[in-house]
């Protein structure tokens, strides 16, 4: 059996939750566009911003926790 450190388990949990978080977030943004609450350009920009922010958060978390092992 493979044993992972608690730090690695946190990173693994974050990386496994990313696809569903991104899918639901982008789906919600495009539902707002579908209901004509926001425009198509705003929906696209919000989606790109949401994706980059989520990935950036994961990268920052990994980099800051890397030195604290």
PDB file of N, CA and C in Angstrom:
ATOM      1  N   UNK A   1       0.839  -1.178   0.000  1.00  0.00           N
ATOM      2  CA  UNK A   1       0.000   0.000   0.000  1.00  0.00           C
ATOM      3  C   UNK A   1       0.886   1.244   0.000  1.00  0.00           C
ATOM      4  N   UNK A   2       0.502   2.228  -0.774  1.00  0.00           N
ATOM      5  CA  UNK A   2       1.266   3.469  -0.885  1.00  0.00           C
ATOM      6  C   UNK A   2       0.783   4.439   0.187  1.00  0.00           C
ATOM      7  N   UNK A   3       1.741   5.005   0.922  1.00  0.00           N
ATOM      8  CA  UNK A   3       1.412   5.990   1.947  1.00  0.00           C
ATOM      9  C   UNK A   3       1.823   7.371   1.443  1.00  0.00           C
ATOM     10  N   UNK A   4       0.894   8.284   1.498  1.00  0.00           N
ATOM     11  CA  UNK A   4       1.168   9.653   1.093  1.00  0.00           C
ATOM     12  C   UNK A   4       1.185  10.546   2.320  1.00  0.00           C
ATOM     13  N   UNK A   5       2.024  11.548   2.266  1.00  0.00           N
ATOM     14  CA  UNK A   5       2.078  12.511   3.367  1.00  0.00           C
ATOM     15  C   UNK A   5       0.803  13.361   3.357  1.00  0.00           C
ATOM     16  N   UNK A   6       0.442  13.926   4.480  1.00  0.00           N
ATOM     17  CA  UNK A   6      -0.750  14.780   4.525  1.00  0.00           C
ATOM     18  C   UNK A   6      -0.678  15.943   3.530  1.00  0.00           C
ATOM     19  N   UNK A   7       0.537  16.464   3.328  1.00  0.00           N
ATOM     20  CA  UNK A   7       0.713  17.559   2.371  1.00  0.00           C
ATOM     21  C   UNK A   7       0.345  17.101   0.959  1.00  0.00           C
ATOM     22  N   UNK A   8       0.821  15.910   0.590  1.00  0.00           N
ATOM     23  CA  UNK A   8       0.522  15.388  -0.741  1.00  0.00           C
ATOM     24  C   UNK A   8      -0.953  15.053  -0.888  1.00  0.00           C
ATOM     25  N   UNK A   9      -1.597  14.613   0.184  1.00  0.00           N
ATOM     26  CA  UNK A   9      -3.028  14.319   0.134  1.00  0.00           C
ATOM     27  C   UNK A   9      -3.844  15.587  -0.108  1.00  0.00           C
ATOM     28  N   UNK A  10      -3.422  16.701   0.495  1.00  0.00           N
ATOM     29  CA  UNK A  10      -4.111  17.968   0.272  1.00  0.00           C
ATOM     30  C   UNK A  10      -3.975  18.405  -1.183  1.00  0.00           C
ATOM     31  N   UNK A  11      -2.786  18.294  -1.722  1.00  0.00           N
ATOM     32  CA  UNK A  11      -2.554  18.676  -3.119  1.00  0.00           C
ATOM     33  C   UNK A  11      -3.331  17.757  -4.052  1.00  0.00           C
ATOM     34  N   UNK A  12      -3.335  16.463  -3.766  1.00  0.00           N
ATOM     35  CA  UNK A  12      -4.084  15.508  -4.573  1.00  0.00           C
ATOM     36  C   UNK A  12      -5.577  15.809  -4.524  1.00  0.00           C
ATOM     37  N   UNK A  13      -6.088  16.140  -3.345  1.00  0.00           N
ATOM     38  CA  UNK A  13      -7.503  16.492  -3.210  1.00  0.00           C
ATOM     39  C   UNK A  13      -7.861  17.729  -4.000  1.00  0.00           C
ATOM     40  N   UNK A  14      -6.991  18.739  -3.941  1.00  0.00           N
ATOM     41  CA  UNK A  14      -7.238  19.957  -4.725  1.00  0.00           C
ATOM     42  C   UNK A  14      -7.244  19.668  -6.219  1.00  0.00           C
ATOM     43  N   UNK A  15      -6.270  18.892  -6.675  1.00  0.00           N
ATOM     44  CA  UNK A  15      -6.181  18.621  -8.114  1.00  0.00           C
ATOM     45  C   UNK A  15      -7.323  17.739  -8.601  1.00  0.00           C
ATOM     46  N   UNK A  16      -7.849  16.878  -7.742  1.00  0.00           N
ATOM     47  CA  UNK A  16      -8.976  16.042  -8.155  1.00  0.00           C
ATOM     48  C   UNK A  16     -10.288  16.819  -8.170  1.00  0.00           C
ATOM     49  N   UNK A  17     -10.391  17.866  -7.356  1.00  0.00           N
ATOM     50  CA  UNK A  17     -11.627  18.641  -7.333  1.00  0.00           C
ATOM     51  C   UNK A  17     -11.667  19.711  -8.425  1.00  0.00           C
ATOM     52  N   UNK A  18     -10.537  19.997  -9.043  1.00  0.00           N
ATOM     53  CA  UNK A  18     -10.490  21.042 -10.066  1.00  0.00           C
ATOM     54  C   UNK A  18     -11.428  20.808 -11.249  1.00  0.00           C
ATOM     55  N   UNK A  19     -11.452  19.630 -11.862  1.00  0.00           N
ATOM     56  CA  UNK A  19     -12.318  19.473 -13.033  1.00  0.00           C
ATOM     57  C   UNK A  19     -13.794  19.750 -12.751  1.00  0.00           C
ATOM     58  N   UNK A  20     -14.306  19.252 -11.634  1.00  0.00           N
ATOM     59  CA  UNK A  20     -15.718  19.486 -11.339  1.00  0.00           C
ATOM     60  C   UNK A  20     -15.971  20.948 -10.977  1.00  0.00           C
ATOM     61  N   UNK A  21     -15.039  21.562 -10.265  1.00  0.00           N
ATOM     62  CA  UNK A  21     -15.181  22.976  -9.915  1.00  0.00           C
ATOM     63  C   UNK A  21     -15.209  23.836 -11.175  1.00  0.00           C
ATOM     64  N   UNK A  22     -14.283  23.563 -12.085  1.00  0.00           N
ATOM     65  CA  UNK A  22     -14.237  24.327 -13.330  1.00  0.00           C
ATOM     66  C   UNK A  22     -15.473  24.091 -14.178  1.00  0.00           C
ATOM     67  N   UNK A  23     -15.905  22.842 -14.265  1.00  0.00           N
ATOM     68  CA  UNK A  23     -17.081  22.515 -15.071  1.00  0.00           C
ATOM     69  C   UNK A  23     -18.320  23.230 -14.554  1.00  0.00           C
ATOM     70  N   UNK A  24     -18.562  23.157 -13.264  1.00  0.00           N
ATOM     71  CA  UNK A  24     -19.748  23.792 -12.684  1.00  0.00           C
ATOM     72  C   UNK A  24     -19.653  25.312 -12.770  1.00  0.00           C
ATOM     73  N   UNK A  25     -18.478  25.864 -12.524  1.00  0.00           N
ATOM     74  CA  UNK A  25     -18.307  27.313 -12.607  1.00  0.00           C
ATOM     75  C   UNK A  25     -18.559  27.854 -14.006  1.00  0.00           C
ATOM     76  N   UNK A  26     -17.943  27.229 -14.989  1.00  0.00           N
ATOM     77  CA  UNK A  26     -18.118  27.687 -16.378  1.00  0.00           C
ATOM     78  C   UNK A  26     -19.549  27.429 -16.844  1.00  0.00           C
ATOM     79  N   UNK A  27     -20.131  26.305 -16.448  1.00  0.00           N
ATOM     80  CA  UNK A  27     -21.531  26.024 -16.798  1.00  0.00           C
ATOM     81  C   UNK A  27     -22.452  27.112 -16.231  1.00  0.00           C
ATOM     82  N   UNK A  28     -22.211  27.491 -14.968  1.00  0.00           N
ATOM     83  CA  UNK A  28     -23.020  28.534 -14.344  1.00  0.00           C
ATOM     84  C   UNK A  28     -22.877  29.870 -15.062  1.00  0.00           C
ATOM     85  N   UNK A  29     -21.668  30.201 -15.459  1.00  0.00           N
ATOM     86  CA  UNK A  29     -21.446  31.463 -16.176  1.00  0.00           C
ATOM     87  C   UNK A  29     -22.200  31.453 -17.506  1.00  0.00           C
ATOM     88  N   UNK A  30     -22.152  30.341 -18.224  1.00  0.00           N
ATOM     89  CA  UNK A  30     -22.849  30.295 -19.504  1.00  0.00           C
ATOM     90  C   UNK A  30     -24.364  30.171 -19.350  1.00  0.00           C
ATOM     91  N   UNK A  31     -24.835  29.713 -18.195  1.00  0.00           N
ATOM     92  CA  UNK A  31     -26.270  29.759 -17.930  1.00  0.00           C
ATOM     93  C   UNK A  31     -26.720  31.210 -17.755  1.00  0.00           C
ATOM     94  N   UNK A  32     -25.888  32.025 -17.118  1.00  0.00           N
ATOM     95  CA  UNK A  32     -26.193  33.458 -17.013  1.00  0.00           C
ATOM     96  C   UNK A  32     -26.259  34.096 -18.392  1.00  0.00           C
ATOM     97  N   UNK A  33     -25.372  33.658 -19.275  1.00  0.00           N
ATOM     98  CA  UNK A  33     -25.388  34.182 -20.645  1.00  0.00           C
ATOM     99  C   UNK A  33     -26.627  33.700 -21.389  1.00  0.00           C
ATOM    100  N   UNK A  34     -26.998  32.458 -21.172  1.00  0.00           N
ATOM    101  CA  UNK A  34     -28.179  31.888 -21.830  1.00  0.00           C
ATOM    102  C   UNK A  34     -29.452  32.614 -21.393  1.00  0.00           C
ATOM    103  N   UNK A  35     -29.523  33.004 -20.127  1.00  0.00           N
ATOM    104  CA  UNK A  35     -30.679  33.732 -19.608  1.00  0.00           C
ATOM    105  C   UNK A  35     -30.601  35.230 -19.913  1.00  0.00           C
ATOM    106  N   UNK A  36     -29.575  35.619 -20.657  1.00  0.00           N
ATOM    107  CA  UNK A  36     -29.346  36.995 -21.080  1.00  0.00           C
ATOM    108  C   UNK A  36     -29.159  37.947 -19.900  1.00  0.00           C
ATOM    109  N   UNK A  37     -28.558  37.456 -18.824  1.00  0.00           N
ATOM    110  CA  UNK A  37     -28.214  38.305 -17.689  1.00  0.00           C
ATOM    111  C   UNK A  37     -26.886  39.004 -17.971  1.00  0.00           C
ATOM    112  N   UNK A  38     -25.979  38.283 -18.621  1.00  0.00           N
ATOM    113  CA  UNK A  38     -24.718  38.874 -19.067  1.00  0.00           C
ATOM    114  C   UNK A  38     -24.544  38.565 -20.551  1.00  0.00           C
ATOM    115  N   UNK A  39     -23.684  39.312 -21.211  1.00  0.00           N
ATOM    116  CA  UNK A  39     -23.449  39.112 -22.637  1.00  0.00           C
ATOM    117  C   UNK A  39     -22.461  37.983 -22.903  1.00  0.00           C
ATOM    118  N   UNK A  40     -22.353  37.634 -24.183  1.00  0.00           N
ATOM    119  CA  UNK A  40     -21.457  36.543 -24.582  1.00  0.00           C
ATOM    120  C   UNK A  40     -19.995  36.878 -24.302  1.00  0.00           C
ATOM    121  N   UNK A  41     -19.609  38.109 -24.568  1.00  0.00           N
ATOM    122  CA  UNK A  41     -18.226  38.518 -24.310  1.00  0.00           C
ATOM    123  C   UNK A  41     -17.919  38.473 -22.816  1.00  0.00           C
ATOM    124  N   UNK A  42     -18.845  38.961 -22.007  1.00  0.00           N
ATOM    125  CA  UNK A  42     -18.644  38.930 -20.555  1.00  0.00           C
ATOM    126  C   UNK A  42     -18.566  37.494 -20.057  1.00  0.00           C
ATOM    127  N   UNK A  43     -19.389  36.605 -20.591  1.00  0.00           N
ATOM    128  CA  UNK A  43     -19.366  35.199 -20.181  1.00  0.00           C
ATOM    129  C   UNK A  43     -18.022  34.565 -20.536  1.00  0.00           C
ATOM    130  N   UNK A  44     -17.522  34.862 -21.717  1.00  0.00           N
ATOM    131  CA  UNK A  44     -16.234  34.308 -22.124  1.00  0.00           C
ATOM    132  C   UNK A  44     -15.099  34.829 -21.245  1.00  0.00           C
ATOM    133  N   UNK A  45     -15.101  36.130 -20.989  1.00  0.00           N
ATOM    134  CA  UNK A  45     -14.052  36.711 -20.154  1.00  0.00           C
ATOM    135  C   UNK A  45     -14.130  36.203 -18.715  1.00  0.00           C
ATOM    136  N   UNK A  46     -15.334  36.073 -18.182  1.00  0.00           N
ATOM    137  CA  UNK A  46     -15.489  35.527 -16.834  1.00  0.00           C
ATOM    138  C   UNK A  46     -15.014  34.079 -16.765  1.00  0.00           C
ATOM    139  N   UNK A  47     -15.303  33.302 -17.796  1.00  0.00           N
ATOM    140  CA  UNK A  47     -14.874  31.904 -17.821  1.00  0.00           C
ATOM    141  C   UNK A  47     -13.359  31.799 -17.830  1.00  0.00           C
ATOM    142  N   UNK A  48     -12.719  32.582 -18.686  1.00  0.00           N
ATOM    143  CA  UNK A  48     -11.258  32.565 -18.764  1.00  0.00           C
ATOM    144  C   UNK A  48     -10.655  33.012 -17.437  1.00  0.00           C
ATOM    145  N   UNK A  49     -11.215  34.069 -16.851  1.00  0.00           N
ATOM    146  CA  UNK A  49     -10.726  34.558 -15.562  1.00  0.00           C
ATOM    147  C   UNK A  49     -10.909  33.509 -14.475  1.00  0.00           C
ATOM    148  N   UNK A  50     -12.054  32.843 -14.453  1.00  0.00           N
ATOM    149  CA  UNK A  50     -12.339  31.808 -13.460  1.00  0.00           C
ATOM    150  C   UNK A  50     -11.350  30.650 -13.578  1.00  0.00           C
ATOM    151  N   UNK A  51     -11.090  30.219 -14.797  1.00  0.00           N
ATOM    152  CA  UNK A  51     -10.162  29.107 -15.028  1.00  0.00           C
ATOM    153  C   UNK A  51      -8.746  29.487 -14.599  1.00  0.00           C
ATOM    154  N   UNK A  52      -8.278  30.652 -15.027  1.00  0.00           N
ATOM    155  CA  UNK A  52      -6.916  31.077 -14.687  1.00  0.00           C
ATOM    156  C   UNK A  52      -6.745  31.306 -13.187  1.00  0.00           C
ATOM    157  N   UNK A  53      -7.762  31.855 -12.541  1.00  0.00           N
ATOM    158  CA  UNK A  53      -7.688  32.082 -11.098  1.00  0.00           C
ATOM    159  C   UNK A  53      -7.637  30.765 -10.340  1.00  0.00           C
ATOM    160  N   UNK A  54      -8.458  29.800 -10.761  1.00  0.00           N
ATOM    161  CA  UNK A  54      -8.474  28.502 -10.093  1.00  0.00           C
ATOM    162  C   UNK A  54      -7.143  27.784 -10.258  1.00  0.00           C
ATOM    163  N   UNK A  55      -6.614  27.765 -11.464  1.00  0.00           N
ATOM    164  CA  UNK A  55      -5.319  27.126 -11.684  1.00  0.00           C
ATOM    165  C   UNK A  55      -4.191  27.871 -10.974  1.00  0.00           C
ATOM    166  N   UNK A  56      -4.268  29.188 -10.972  1.00  0.00           N
ATOM    167  CA  UNK A  56      -3.261  29.990 -10.277  1.00  0.00           C
ATOM    168  C   UNK A  56      -3.265  29.722  -8.783  1.00  0.00           C
ATOM    169  N   UNK A  57      -4.447  29.551  -8.210  1.00  0.00           N
ATOM    170  CA  UNK A  57      -4.548  29.235  -6.788  1.00  0.00           C
ATOM    171  C   UNK A  57      -3.871  27.911  -6.475  1.00  0.00           C
ATOM    172  N   UNK A  58      -4.083  26.910  -7.310  1.00  0.00           N
ATOM    173  CA  UNK A  58      -3.452  25.610  -7.094  1.00  0.00           C
ATOM    174  C   UNK A  58      -1.934  25.723  -7.215  1.00  0.00           C
ATOM    175  N   UNK A  59      -1.462  26.431  -8.216  1.00  0.00           N
ATOM    176  CA  UNK A  59      -0.019  26.571  -8.425  1.00  0.00           C
ATOM    177  C   UNK A  59       0.625  27.314  -7.259  1.00  0.00           C
ATOM    178  N   UNK A  60      -0.006  28.387  -6.798  1.00  0.00           N
ATOM    179  CA  UNK A  60       0.533  29.143  -5.667  1.00  0.00           C
ATOM    180  C   UNK A  60       0.556  28.269  -4.418  1.00  0.00           C
ATOM    181  N   UNK A  61      -0.494  27.492  -4.204  1.00  0.00           N
ATOM    182  CA  UNK A  61      -0.543  26.604  -3.041  1.00  0.00           C
ATOM    183  C   UNK A  61       0.599  25.586  -3.082  1.00  0.00           C
ATOM    184  N   UNK A  62       0.819  24.999  -4.243  1.00  0.00           N
ATOM    185  CA  UNK A  62       1.881  23.986  -4.368  1.00  0.00           C
ATOM    186  C   UNK A  62       3.250  24.623  -4.152  1.00  0.00           C
ATOM    187  N   UNK A  63       3.487  25.772  -4.732  1.00  0.00           N
ATOM    188  CA  UNK A  63       4.794  26.430  -4.621  1.00  0.00           C
ATOM    189  C   UNK A  63       5.069  26.853  -3.176  1.00  0.00           C
ATOM    190  N   UNK A  64       4.064  27.404  -2.504  1.00  0.00           N
ATOM    191  CA  UNK A  64       4.294  27.850  -1.136  1.00  0.00           C
ATOM    192  C   UNK A  64       4.444  26.686  -0.158  1.00  0.00           C
ATOM    193  N   UNK A  65       3.780  25.576  -0.408  1.00  0.00           N
ATOM    194  CA  UNK A  65       3.876  24.424   0.474  1.00  0.00           C
ATOM    195  C   UNK A  65       5.090  23.556   0.172  1.00  0.00           C
ATOM    196  N   UNK A  66       5.704  23.748  -1.001  1.00  0.00           N
ATOM    197  CA  UNK A  66       6.849  22.926  -1.401  1.00  0.00           C
ATOM    198  C   UNK A  66       8.027  23.115  -0.464  1.00  0.00           C
ATOM    199  N   UNK A  67       8.264  24.326  -0.051  1.00  0.00           N
ATOM    200  CA  UNK A  67       9.401  24.622   0.808  1.00  0.00           C
ATOM    201  C   UNK A  67       9.179  24.270   2.271  1.00  0.00           C
ATOM    202  N   UNK A  68       7.964  23.944   2.655  1.00  0.00           N
ATOM    203  CA  UNK A  68       7.634  23.676   4.056  1.00  0.00           C
ATOM    204  C   UNK A  68       7.495  22.200   4.359  1.00  0.00           C
ATOM    205  N   UNK A  69       8.249  21.346   3.681  1.00  0.00           N
ATOM    206  CA  UNK A  69       8.101  19.905   3.891  1.00  0.00           C
ATOM    207  C   UNK A  69       8.825  19.381   5.059  1.00  0.00           C
TER     208      UNK A  69
END
